[in-house]
Amino acid sequence: MSRRRPPYIALRRPIYIGCEGVSEVGYAGFLQDLIRDANLPVHLHIDELGPGTGDPLSRIEMAALRLKQLQKKRSAPAERFALLDFDQAERDPQRAERALRLAADNEIMIVWQRPCFEAVLLRHLEGKAANRPPDTPGALRALEREWPEYRKGMTRANLARRIDRDAVLRAADVEAELKALLHCIGVL
């Protein structure tokens, strides 16, 4: 009697995504759903950097610390991203410059959300890809006009009720750093 060979299961390539807060965690989870639906051999290691941090530098410091901890377990992904609001970087350019250097030293690509997550999310919507609100309150107002049900910190399932793969590609057409992330994970 011959033994049946187990089916081949492709290893999933891990990619680290450090998230500024709950909203970005929901979005990264939504991207993981797109990866799963496309049957791509990728797994996102989603890490919320918000608790205990306050600006891009402290978030990149947290990401670097957590990546070092993963490295000790030999499970630190080689490809690394951080989703951060640009308006916070503008408040203290010197700390933002230090964040960029630390990110580069730790091979983390910062995906700047200009000026914030809600503005990038707005650019996912049909006909709004070129919409560039000047500040966070303006971005939130513009998004709520187009998406009255939107609330900060939406889950991946709630995001999926309004955006889909086409919406993500629409935003990537005007967001170079998002496009690089999507290319890395195989959605593009």
C-alpha atoms as a PDB file:
ATOM      1  CA  MET A   1       0.000   0.000   0.000  1.00  0.00           C
ATOM      2  CA  SER A   2       1.422   3.353  -0.990  1.00  0.00           C
ATOM      3  CA  ARG A   3       1.180   6.424   1.143  1.00  0.00           C
ATOM      4  CA  ARG A   4      -0.566   9.440  -0.212  1.00  0.00           C
ATOM      5  CA  ARG A   5       1.615  12.422  -0.476  1.00  0.00           C
ATOM      6  CA  PRO A   6       0.292  15.471   1.377  1.00  0.00           C
ATOM      7  CA  PRO A   7      -0.739  18.345  -0.864  1.00  0.00           C
ATOM      8  CA  TYR A   8       1.853  21.044  -1.461  1.00  0.00           C
ATOM      9  CA  ILE A   9       1.079  24.174   0.510  1.00  0.00           C
ATOM     10  CA  ALA A  10       2.991  27.242  -0.558  1.00  0.00           C
ATOM     11  CA  LEU A  11       4.687  29.137   2.227  1.00  0.00           C
ATOM     12  CA  ARG A  12       3.211  32.544   2.777  1.00  0.00           C
ATOM     13  CA  ARG A  13       5.681  35.413   2.516  1.00  0.00           C
ATOM     14  CA  PRO A  14       5.345  37.583   5.629  1.00  0.00           C
ATOM     15  CA  ILE A  15       5.188  41.366   5.264  1.00  0.00           C
ATOM     16  CA  TYR A  16       5.250  43.672   8.277  1.00  0.00           C
ATOM     17  CA  ILE A  17       2.758  46.551   8.386  1.00  0.00           C
ATOM     18  CA  GLY A  18       3.052  48.922  11.332  1.00  0.00           C
ATOM     19  CA  CYS A  19      -0.182  50.857  11.744  1.00  0.00           C
ATOM     20  CA  GLU A  20      -0.576  54.249  13.353  1.00  0.00           C
ATOM     21  CA  GLY A  21      -3.898  53.325  14.918  1.00  0.00           C
ATOM     22  CA  VAL A  22      -7.098  51.294  14.787  1.00  0.00           C
ATOM     23  CA  SER A  23      -8.197  52.783  11.432  1.00  0.00           C
ATOM     24  CA  GLU A  24      -5.018  51.637   9.726  1.00  0.00           C
ATOM     25  CA  VAL A  25      -5.301  48.203  11.383  1.00  0.00           C
ATOM     26  CA  GLY A  26      -8.768  47.831   9.834  1.00  0.00           C
ATOM     27  CA  TYR A  27      -7.407  48.901   6.442  1.00  0.00           C
ATOM     28  CA  ALA A  28      -4.456  46.496   6.643  1.00  0.00           C
ATOM     29  CA  GLY A  29      -6.921  43.736   7.563  1.00  0.00           C
ATOM     30  CA  PHE A  30      -8.951  44.686   4.499  1.00  0.00           C
ATOM     31  CA  LEU A  31      -5.774  44.342   2.391  1.00  0.00           C
ATOM     32  CA  GLN A  32      -5.229  40.890   3.955  1.00  0.00           C
ATOM     33  CA  ASP A  33      -8.735  39.953   2.784  1.00  0.00           C
ATOM     34  CA  LEU A  34      -7.837  41.073  -0.763  1.00  0.00           C
ATOM     35  CA  ILE A  35      -4.703  38.916  -0.563  1.00  0.00           C
ATOM     36  CA  ARG A  36      -6.734  35.913   0.597  1.00  0.00           C
ATOM     37  CA  ASP A  37      -9.400  36.430  -2.094  1.00  0.00           C
ATOM     38  CA  ALA A  38      -6.675  36.518  -4.771  1.00  0.00           C
ATOM     39  CA  ASN A  39      -5.079  33.393  -3.227  1.00  0.00           C
ATOM     40  CA  LEU A  40      -1.708  35.103  -2.967  1.00  0.00           C
ATOM     41  CA  PRO A  41       1.017  33.432  -0.872  1.00  0.00           C
ATOM     42  CA  VAL A  42       1.405  36.479   1.394  1.00  0.00           C
ATOM     43  CA  HIS A  43       0.623  37.086   5.053  1.00  0.00           C
ATOM     44  CA  LEU A  44       0.530  40.557   6.597  1.00  0.00           C
ATOM     45  CA  HIS A  45       1.968  40.848  10.091  1.00  0.00           C
ATOM     46  CA  ILE A  46      -0.230  43.743  11.235  1.00  0.00           C
ATOM     47  CA  ASP A  47       1.058  45.675  14.235  1.00  0.00           C
ATOM     48  CA  GLU A  48      -0.777  48.577  15.885  1.00  0.00           C
ATOM     49  CA  LEU A  49       1.796  51.213  16.869  1.00  0.00           C
ATOM     50  CA  GLY A  50      -0.614  53.759  18.353  1.00  0.00           C
ATOM     51  CA  PRO A  51      -0.820  52.802  22.037  1.00  0.00           C
ATOM     52  CA  GLY A  52       1.962  54.479  23.966  1.00  0.00           C
ATOM     53  CA  THR A  53       3.246  56.508  21.025  1.00  0.00           C
ATOM     54  CA  GLY A  54       2.442  59.968  19.766  1.00  0.00           C
ATOM     55  CA  ASP A  55       4.258  60.990  16.612  1.00  0.00           C
ATOM     56  CA  PRO A  56       5.958  59.361  13.612  1.00  0.00           C
ATOM     57  CA  LEU A  57       9.317  59.050  15.371  1.00  0.00           C
ATOM     58  CA  SER A  58       7.887  57.298  18.423  1.00  0.00           C
ATOM     59  CA  ARG A  59       5.874  54.994  16.150  1.00  0.00           C
ATOM     60  CA  ILE A  60       8.930  54.071  14.082  1.00  0.00           C
ATOM     61  CA  GLU A  61      10.870  53.505  17.314  1.00  0.00           C
ATOM     62  CA  MET A  62       8.082  51.141  18.423  1.00  0.00           C
ATOM     63  CA  ALA A  63       8.134  49.343  15.063  1.00  0.00           C
ATOM     64  CA  ALA A  64      11.928  48.956  15.209  1.00  0.00           C
ATOM     65  CA  LEU A  65      11.697  47.546  18.744  1.00  0.00           C
ATOM     66  CA  ARG A  66       9.003  45.052  17.776  1.00  0.00           C
ATOM     67  CA  LEU A  67      10.913  44.004  14.664  1.00  0.00           C
ATOM     68  CA  LYS A  68      13.992  43.361  16.820  1.00  0.00           C
ATOM     69  CA  GLN A  69      11.847  41.185  19.087  1.00  0.00           C
ATOM     70  CA  LEU A  70      10.611  39.263  16.054  1.00  0.00           C
ATOM     71  CA  GLN A  71      14.197  38.923  14.830  1.00  0.00           C
ATOM     72  CA  LYS A  72      15.112  37.166  18.080  1.00  0.00           C
ATOM     73  CA  LYS A  73      12.437  34.599  17.216  1.00  0.00           C
ATOM     74  CA  ARG A  74      13.727  34.503  13.628  1.00  0.00           C
ATOM     75  CA  SER A  75      10.371  35.665  12.337  1.00  0.00           C
ATOM     76  CA  ALA A  76      10.986  39.304  11.381  1.00  0.00           C
ATOM     77  CA  PRO A  77       9.651  39.909   7.874  1.00  0.00           C
ATOM     78  CA  ALA A  78      12.181  41.259   5.379  1.00  0.00           C
ATOM     79  CA  GLU A  79       9.597  43.560   3.779  1.00  0.00           C
ATOM     80  CA  ARG A  80       8.404  46.267   6.150  1.00  0.00           C
ATOM     81  CA  PHE A  81       5.973  49.159   5.906  1.00  0.00           C
ATOM     82  CA  ALA A  82       4.462  51.709   8.293  1.00  0.00           C
ATOM     83  CA  LEU A  83       1.214  53.595   7.640  1.00  0.00           C
ATOM     84  CA  LEU A  84       1.601  57.067   9.207  1.00  0.00           C
ATOM     85  CA  ASP A  85      -0.250  60.384   9.012  1.00  0.00           C
ATOM     86  CA  PHE A  86       1.787  63.120   7.374  1.00  0.00           C
ATOM     87  CA  ASP A  87       0.118  65.937   9.311  1.00  0.00           C
ATOM     88  CA  GLN A  88       1.862  64.718  12.461  1.00  0.00           C
ATOM     89  CA  ALA A  89       5.226  64.786  10.686  1.00  0.00           C
ATOM     90  CA  GLU A  90       4.627  68.397   9.659  1.00  0.00           C
ATOM     91  CA  ARG A  91       4.205  69.454  13.300  1.00  0.00           C
ATOM     92  CA  ASP A  92       7.826  68.634  14.111  1.00  0.00           C
ATOM     93  CA  PRO A  93      10.006  68.363  10.977  1.00  0.00           C
ATOM     94  CA  GLN A  94      13.160  67.518  12.967  1.00  0.00           C
ATOM     95  CA  ARG A  95      11.533  64.504  14.637  1.00  0.00           C
ATOM     96  CA  ALA A  96      10.041  63.524  11.270  1.00  0.00           C
ATOM     97  CA  GLU A  97      13.528  63.590   9.725  1.00  0.00           C
ATOM     98  CA  ARG A  98      14.796  61.367  12.541  1.00  0.00           C
ATOM     99  CA  ALA A  99      11.843  59.031  11.902  1.00  0.00           C
ATOM    100  CA  LEU A 100      12.838  58.790   8.231  1.00  0.00           C
ATOM    101  CA  ARG A 101      16.441  57.945   9.136  1.00  0.00           C
ATOM    102  CA  LEU A 102      15.390  55.348  11.704  1.00  0.00           C
ATOM    103  CA  ALA A 103      12.941  53.821   9.221  1.00  0.00           C
ATOM    104  CA  ALA A 104      15.685  53.608   6.600  1.00  0.00           C
ATOM    105  CA  ASP A 105      18.091  52.048   9.129  1.00  0.00           C
ATOM    106  CA  ASN A 106      15.467  49.383   9.858  1.00  0.00           C
ATOM    107  CA  GLU A 107      14.412  48.957   6.204  1.00  0.00           C
ATOM    108  CA  ILE A 108      10.888  50.216   6.893  1.00  0.00           C
ATOM    109  CA  MET A 109       9.134  52.053   4.067  1.00  0.00           C
ATOM    110  CA  ILE A 110       6.852  54.755   5.428  1.00  0.00           C
ATOM    111  CA  VAL A 111       3.556  55.066   3.584  1.00  0.00           C
ATOM    112  CA  TRP A 112       2.703  58.690   4.344  1.00  0.00           C
ATOM    113  CA  GLN A 113      -1.025  59.352   4.498  1.00  0.00           C
ATOM    114  CA  ARG A 114      -1.364  62.941   3.305  1.00  0.00           C
ATOM    115  CA  PRO A 115      -2.566  64.648   5.396  1.00  0.00           C
ATOM    116  CA  CYS A 116      -4.210  61.701   7.217  1.00  0.00           C
ATOM    117  CA  PHE A 117      -5.832  58.283   6.788  1.00  0.00           C
ATOM    118  CA  GLU A 118      -9.279  59.760   6.070  1.00  0.00           C
ATOM    119  CA  ALA A 119      -7.880  61.792   3.147  1.00  0.00           C
ATOM    120  CA  VAL A 120      -6.343  58.661   1.621  1.00  0.00           C
ATOM    121  CA  LEU A 121      -9.569  56.753   2.205  1.00  0.00           C
ATOM    122  CA  LEU A 122     -11.472  59.558   0.445  1.00  0.00           C
ATOM    123  CA  ARG A 123      -9.247  59.022  -2.621  1.00  0.00           C
ATOM    124  CA  HIS A 124     -10.529  55.429  -2.786  1.00  0.00           C
ATOM    125  CA  LEU A 125     -14.028  56.658  -3.644  1.00  0.00           C
ATOM    126  CA  GLU A 126     -15.304  56.990  -7.213  1.00  0.00           C
ATOM    127  CA  GLY A 127     -14.509  60.433  -8.635  1.00  0.00           C
ATOM    128  CA  LYS A 128     -12.492  61.510  -5.565  1.00  0.00           C
ATOM    129  CA  ALA A 129      -8.993  60.266  -6.460  1.00  0.00           C
ATOM    130  CA  ALA A 130      -7.729  63.815  -7.007  1.00  0.00           C
ATOM    131  CA  ASN A 131      -9.349  65.192  -3.844  1.00  0.00           C
ATOM    132  CA  ARG A 132      -6.626  66.679  -1.606  1.00  0.00           C
ATOM    133  CA  PRO A 133      -8.096  68.208   1.567  1.00  0.00           C
ATOM    134  CA  PRO A 134      -5.596  70.619   3.153  1.00  0.00           C
ATOM    135  CA  ASP A 135      -5.874  69.304   6.702  1.00  0.00           C
ATOM    136  CA  THR A 136      -7.310  66.543   8.859  1.00  0.00           C
ATOM    137  CA  PRO A 137     -10.602  68.266   9.822  1.00  0.00           C
ATOM    138  CA  GLY A 138     -11.208  69.074   6.144  1.00  0.00           C
ATOM    139  CA  ALA A 139     -10.450  65.476   5.150  1.00  0.00           C
ATOM    140  CA  LEU A 140     -12.845  64.105   7.755  1.00  0.00           C
ATOM    141  CA  ARG A 141     -15.628  66.481   6.651  1.00  0.00           C
ATOM    142  CA  ALA A 142     -15.079  65.618   2.973  1.00  0.00           C
ATOM    143  CA  LEU A 143     -15.102  61.885   3.687  1.00  0.00           C
ATOM    144  CA  GLU A 144     -18.247  62.091   5.832  1.00  0.00           C
ATOM    145  CA  ARG A 145     -20.024  64.017   3.031  1.00  0.00           C
ATOM    146  CA  GLU A 146     -19.272  61.170   0.620  1.00  0.00           C
ATOM    147  CA  TRP A 147     -19.611  58.353   3.164  1.00  0.00           C
ATOM    148  CA  PRO A 148     -22.076  59.390   5.916  1.00  0.00           C
ATOM    149  CA  GLU A 149     -21.721  56.016   7.677  1.00  0.00           C
ATOM    150  CA  TYR A 150     -17.947  56.412   8.070  1.00  0.00           C
ATOM    151  CA  ARG A 151     -16.591  56.340  11.610  1.00  0.00           C
ATOM    152  CA  LYS A 152     -12.959  56.396  12.731  1.00  0.00           C
ATOM    153  CA  GLY A 153     -11.602  52.962  13.532  1.00  0.00           C
ATOM    154  CA  MET A 154     -13.792  50.992  11.127  1.00  0.00           C
ATOM    155  CA  THR A 155     -13.207  47.268  10.913  1.00  0.00           C
ATOM    156  CA  ARG A 156     -12.103  45.520   7.761  1.00  0.00           C
ATOM    157  CA  ALA A 157     -15.669  44.255   7.242  1.00  0.00           C
ATOM    158  CA  ASN A 158     -17.133  47.755   7.538  1.00  0.00           C
ATOM    159  CA  LEU A 159     -14.551  49.126   5.104  1.00  0.00           C
ATOM    160  CA  ALA A 160     -15.396  46.319   2.652  1.00  0.00           C
ATOM    161  CA  ARG A 161     -19.005  47.496   2.545  1.00  0.00           C
ATOM    162  CA  ARG A 162     -17.883  50.623   0.698  1.00  0.00           C
ATOM    163  CA  ILE A 163     -14.476  49.960  -0.867  1.00  0.00           C
ATOM    164  CA  ASP A 164     -13.170  47.071  -2.938  1.00  0.00           C
ATOM    165  CA  ARG A 165     -10.088  46.111  -4.933  1.00  0.00           C
ATOM    166  CA  ASP A 166     -10.931  48.631  -7.676  1.00  0.00           C
ATOM    167  CA  ALA A 167     -11.147  51.387  -5.057  1.00  0.00           C
ATOM    168  CA  VAL A 168      -7.726  50.431  -3.687  1.00  0.00           C
ATOM    169  CA  LEU A 169      -6.253  50.516  -7.202  1.00  0.00           C
ATOM    170  CA  ARG A 170      -7.871  53.909  -7.818  1.00  0.00           C
ATOM    171  CA  ALA A 171      -6.182  55.319  -4.713  1.00  0.00           C
ATOM    172  CA  ALA A 172      -2.861  53.686  -5.625  1.00  0.00           C
ATOM    173  CA  ASP A 173      -2.913  55.543  -8.941  1.00  0.00           C
ATOM    174  CA  VAL A 174      -2.462  58.815  -7.015  1.00  0.00           C
ATOM    175  CA  GLU A 175      -0.555  57.507  -3.954  1.00  0.00           C
ATOM    176  CA  ALA A 176       2.918  56.292  -4.969  1.00  0.00           C
ATOM    177  CA  GLU A 177       3.805  54.843  -1.562  1.00  0.00           C
ATOM    178  CA  LEU A 178       0.509  52.930  -1.377  1.00  0.00           C
ATOM    179  CA  LYS A 179       1.213  51.659  -4.877  1.00  0.00           C
ATOM    180  CA  ALA A 180       4.611  50.349  -3.720  1.00  0.00           C
ATOM    181  CA  LEU A 181       2.935  48.525  -0.809  1.00  0.00           C
ATOM    182  CA  LEU A 182       0.324  46.984  -3.104  1.00  0.00           C
ATOM    183  CA  HIS A 183       3.003  45.922  -5.562  1.00  0.00           C
ATOM    184  CA  CYS A 184       4.949  44.263  -2.741  1.00  0.00           C
ATOM    185  CA  ILE A 185       1.937  42.307  -1.496  1.00  0.00           C
ATOM    186  CA  GLY A 186       0.971  41.283  -5.026  1.00  0.00           C
ATOM    187  CA  VAL A 187      -2.352  43.087  -5.334  1.00  0.00           C
ATOM    188  CA  LEU A 188      -0.923  45.087  -8.276  1.00  0.00           C
END
